[in-house]
Protein backbone atom coordinates (compact mmCIF):
# COMPACT_ATOMS: atom_id res chain seq x y z
CA MET A 1 -107.18 -19.21 80.14
CA SER A 2 -106.22 -17.56 83.41
CA VAL A 3 -103.82 -14.61 83.76
CA LYS A 4 -101.33 -16.88 85.51
CA GLU A 5 -101.35 -19.37 82.63
CA CYS A 6 -100.81 -16.55 80.07
CA GLY A 7 -97.89 -15.25 82.11
CA ASN A 8 -96.28 -18.70 82.28
CA HIS A 9 -96.79 -19.16 78.54
CA GLY A 10 -95.05 -15.82 77.81
CA LYS A 11 -92.10 -16.74 80.05
CA TYR A 12 -91.79 -20.10 78.28
CA ARG A 13 -91.71 -18.41 74.86
CA ARG A 14 -89.06 -15.93 76.00
CA LYS A 15 -86.96 -18.77 77.42
CA ILE A 16 -87.12 -20.66 74.11
CA PHE A 17 -86.20 -17.49 72.19
CA LEU A 18 -83.22 -16.81 74.46
CA ARG A 19 -82.00 -20.38 74.08
CA ILE A 20 -82.17 -20.10 70.28
CA ILE A 21 -80.21 -16.83 70.35
CA ALA A 22 -77.63 -18.35 72.73
CA GLY A 23 -77.27 -21.40 70.47
CA ILE A 24 -76.69 -19.21 67.40
CA LEU A 25 -74.08 -17.10 69.23
CA ILE A 26 -72.27 -20.19 70.52
CA PHE A 27 -72.23 -21.67 66.99
CA ILE A 28 -70.80 -18.43 65.53
CA LEU A 29 -68.19 -18.32 68.30
CA ILE A 30 -67.11 -21.92 67.61
CA VAL A 31 -66.80 -21.19 63.88
CA LEU A 32 -64.70 -18.07 64.55
CA ILE A 33 -62.43 -19.91 66.99
CA THR A 34 -61.98 -22.74 64.47
CA ILE A 35 -61.03 -20.28 61.72
CA LEU A 36 -58.58 -18.50 64.03
CA LEU A 37 -56.98 -21.79 65.07
CA ILE A 38 -56.58 -22.89 61.43
CA TRP A 39 -55.17 -19.46 60.57
CA ALA A 40 -52.69 -19.60 63.48
CA ILE A 41 -51.54 -23.12 62.59
CA LEU A 42 -51.08 -22.38 58.88
CA ARG A 43 -49.54 -18.93 59.48
CA PRO A 44 -49.88 -17.47 55.95
CA SER A 45 -46.79 -15.79 54.54
CA LYS A 46 -47.05 -12.75 52.29
CA PRO A 47 -46.15 -13.20 48.61
CA ARG A 48 -42.62 -12.46 47.40
CA PHE A 49 -42.11 -10.06 44.49
CA ILE A 50 -39.05 -9.58 42.29
CA LEU A 51 -38.40 -6.87 39.70
CA GLN A 52 -36.67 -8.82 36.93
CA ASP A 53 -36.08 -6.08 34.36
CA THR A 54 -37.19 -2.69 33.11
CA THR A 55 -37.21 -1.64 29.45
CA VAL A 56 -37.09 2.12 28.95
CA TYR A 57 -38.72 3.31 25.73
CA ALA A 58 -38.92 6.99 26.61
CA PHE A 59 -37.63 9.23 29.39
CA ASN A 60 -37.77 12.91 28.53
CA ALA A 61 -37.44 15.60 31.19
CA SER A 62 -36.21 18.32 28.83
CA THR A 63 -39.38 20.42 29.26
CA PRO A 64 -39.36 22.27 32.61
CA ASN A 65 -41.65 20.70 35.25
CA LEU A 66 -42.94 18.07 32.80
CA LEU A 67 -41.89 14.45 32.29
CA THR A 68 -42.74 12.04 29.51
CA SER A 69 -41.84 8.41 30.15
CA ASN A 70 -42.66 4.92 28.92
CA PHE A 71 -41.50 1.72 30.63
CA GLN A 72 -42.17 -1.98 30.40
CA VAL A 73 -41.47 -3.78 33.66
CA THR A 74 -41.25 -7.52 34.30
CA LEU A 75 -42.39 -8.56 37.76
CA SER A 76 -42.64 -12.00 39.27
CA SER A 77 -44.61 -13.05 42.32
CA ARG A 78 -44.20 -16.29 44.28
CA ASN A 79 -46.65 -17.75 46.78
CA PRO A 80 -44.45 -19.31 49.51
CA ASN A 81 -47.35 -21.06 51.28
CA ASP A 82 -47.88 -24.83 51.19
CA ARG A 83 -51.63 -24.82 51.94
CA ILE A 84 -52.80 -21.29 51.21
CA GLY A 85 -53.75 -19.81 47.84
CA ILE A 86 -53.80 -16.10 47.01
CA TYR A 87 -56.43 -14.18 45.07
CA TYR A 88 -55.03 -11.01 43.51
CA ASP A 89 -58.26 -9.05 43.15
CA ARG A 90 -56.56 -5.82 42.09
CA LEU A 91 -52.98 -4.88 41.18
CA ASP A 92 -52.04 -1.38 39.96
CA VAL A 93 -48.46 -0.77 38.78
CA TYR A 94 -46.85 2.67 38.47
CA ALA A 95 -43.50 4.45 38.81
CA THR A 96 -42.46 7.19 41.23
CA TYR A 97 -39.51 9.54 41.57
CA GLN A 98 -38.77 10.78 45.10
CA ASN A 99 -42.27 9.66 46.15
CA GLN A 100 -43.95 11.62 43.34
CA GLN A 101 -45.95 9.55 40.87
CA ILE A 102 -44.58 10.02 37.35
CA THR A 103 -46.71 7.53 35.36
CA LEU A 104 -50.32 6.50 35.15
CA ARG A 105 -51.46 3.37 36.94
CA THR A 106 -51.61 0.20 34.86
CA ALA A 107 -54.00 -2.53 36.05
CA ILE A 108 -52.94 -6.18 36.02
CA PRO A 109 -55.86 -8.58 35.40
CA PRO A 110 -57.16 -10.34 38.56
CA THR A 111 -55.70 -13.80 39.04
CA TYR A 112 -55.43 -16.70 41.48
CA GLN A 113 -52.05 -18.02 42.63
CA GLY A 114 -51.92 -21.57 43.95
CA HIS A 115 -49.57 -23.10 46.50
CA LYS A 116 -45.88 -22.44 45.70
CA GLU A 117 -46.84 -21.03 42.29
CA ILE A 118 -45.01 -18.23 40.46
CA ASN A 119 -46.74 -15.61 38.32
CA VAL A 120 -44.94 -13.28 35.90
CA TRP A 121 -46.34 -10.01 34.53
CA SER A 122 -44.87 -7.55 32.01
CA PRO A 123 -47.10 -4.44 32.05
CA PHE A 124 -46.34 -1.10 30.40
CA VAL A 125 -46.40 2.03 32.56
CA ASN A 126 -46.23 5.46 31.01
CA GLY A 127 -46.98 9.12 31.46
CA ASN A 128 -47.25 11.88 28.86
CA SER A 129 -46.18 15.38 30.01
CA VAL A 130 -46.79 14.57 33.67
CA PRO A 131 -46.47 17.69 35.88
CA ILE A 132 -43.49 17.51 38.24
CA ALA A 133 -43.00 19.75 41.26
CA PRO A 134 -40.31 22.39 40.50
CA GLU A 135 -37.88 21.10 43.14
CA TYR A 136 -38.25 17.54 41.88
CA SER A 137 -37.94 18.67 38.27
CA ALA A 138 -34.60 20.36 39.01
CA SER A 139 -33.38 17.26 40.88
CA LEU A 140 -34.52 14.97 38.08
CA GLY A 141 -32.71 17.10 35.48
CA SER A 142 -29.51 16.98 37.55
CA ASP A 143 -29.75 13.21 37.99
CA GLN A 144 -30.31 12.65 34.29
CA SER A 145 -27.40 14.92 33.40
CA ALA A 146 -25.23 12.97 35.83
CA GLY A 147 -26.22 9.77 34.03
CA SER A 148 -28.45 7.95 36.54
CA VAL A 149 -31.96 8.19 37.98
CA PHE A 150 -33.32 6.20 40.92
CA LEU A 151 -36.97 5.23 40.48
CA MET A 152 -39.39 3.16 42.50
CA ILE A 153 -41.75 0.73 40.77
CA LYS A 154 -44.81 0.36 42.99
CA ILE A 155 -47.75 -2.02 43.14
CA ASP A 156 -50.87 -1.23 45.14
CA GLY A 157 -53.62 -3.81 45.32
CA ARG A 158 -56.02 -6.03 47.20
CA VAL A 159 -55.52 -9.72 48.01
CA ARG A 160 -57.52 -12.52 49.64
CA TRP A 161 -56.26 -15.76 51.18
CA LYS A 162 -57.80 -19.17 50.38
CA VAL A 163 -57.52 -21.97 52.94
CA GLY A 164 -59.43 -25.03 51.75
CA THR A 165 -62.94 -23.73 51.06
CA PHE A 166 -62.51 -20.71 53.34
CA ILE A 167 -61.71 -17.37 51.64
CA SER A 168 -60.66 -14.42 53.78
CA GLY A 169 -61.66 -10.79 53.44
CA ARG A 170 -59.64 -8.39 51.31
CA TYR A 171 -56.28 -7.08 52.49
CA HIS A 172 -54.27 -4.16 51.14
CA LEU A 173 -51.07 -5.11 49.34
CA TYR A 174 -48.14 -2.70 48.98
CA VAL A 175 -45.07 -3.62 46.89
CA ARG A 176 -42.00 -1.39 46.41
CA CYS A 177 -39.29 -2.28 43.87
CA PRO A 178 -36.16 -0.08 43.46
CA ALA A 179 -35.00 0.53 39.87
CA PHE A 180 -31.70 2.27 39.07
CA ILE A 181 -31.74 3.66 35.51
CA THR A 182 -28.50 4.84 33.89
CA PHE A 183 -28.03 6.96 30.77
CA GLY A 184 -25.40 7.82 28.18
CA SER A 185 -21.91 6.42 28.58
CA LYS A 186 -22.77 5.12 32.07
CA SER A 187 -25.64 3.00 30.84
CA ASN A 188 -25.45 -0.66 31.82
CA GLY A 189 -28.55 -1.58 29.85
CA VAL A 190 -28.91 -3.60 26.66
CA SER A 191 -30.33 -2.07 23.50
CA VAL A 192 -33.43 -4.02 22.39
CA GLY A 193 -34.63 -1.76 19.60
CA GLU A 194 -34.69 1.81 18.43
CA ASN A 195 -34.43 4.08 21.49
CA ALA A 196 -35.23 1.17 23.85
CA ILE A 197 -32.88 0.01 26.62
CA LYS A 198 -33.48 -3.02 28.84
CA TYR A 199 -32.06 -3.11 32.38
CA GLN A 200 -31.73 -6.47 34.13
CA PHE A 201 -32.28 -6.14 37.88
CA VAL A 202 -33.49 -9.31 39.64
CA THR A 203 -34.18 -7.04 42.61
CA ARG A 204 -36.22 -8.27 45.54
CA CYS A 205 -39.10 -5.95 46.38
CA SER A 206 -40.40 -5.00 49.80
CA VAL A 207 -43.91 -6.32 50.43
CA SER A 208 -46.39 -5.38 53.13
CA VAL A 209 -49.94 -6.66 53.63
């Protein structure tokens, strides 16, 4: 075989290789454009969360800079989408006071939420002798003495969207639910057992994804 023939053969092989690469790239581009078009047409809406009630079993800030608390919260989530399902891969619930975490995180089991479905969870969140910053401890003691404490029930997690057979990557989910707890003569809760008070809220939570 002559040098010229070898050169032509090498050019032919490179041309075939480049065509294969171009075909693969065009196919990937078409798939991505199709997914983006479907996504734009369906326009997925973020889930809607509601804090239905909070039952307080313990709330003791008598020890300086330490807080012991035990709550059971009832949260509901609704998927407002007609054609999109939601995978809740991870949901951690906890309580904060003035942006300081006062309970441990409680994990809600992973679940799938279909179109227009509603899920309800009632996890316990608690903390035993949790250290509180001195300035927050003084503020918390004053609020409790005044008869009311404003808490924030938070959910941090990861979600995925399901459109037909397509499942998206994971997105961060942040949920913030205000809870206004009252004590003593100002309490508007209902006694549900020894040293347990239930507060009905039906408060809509802020949700960001």
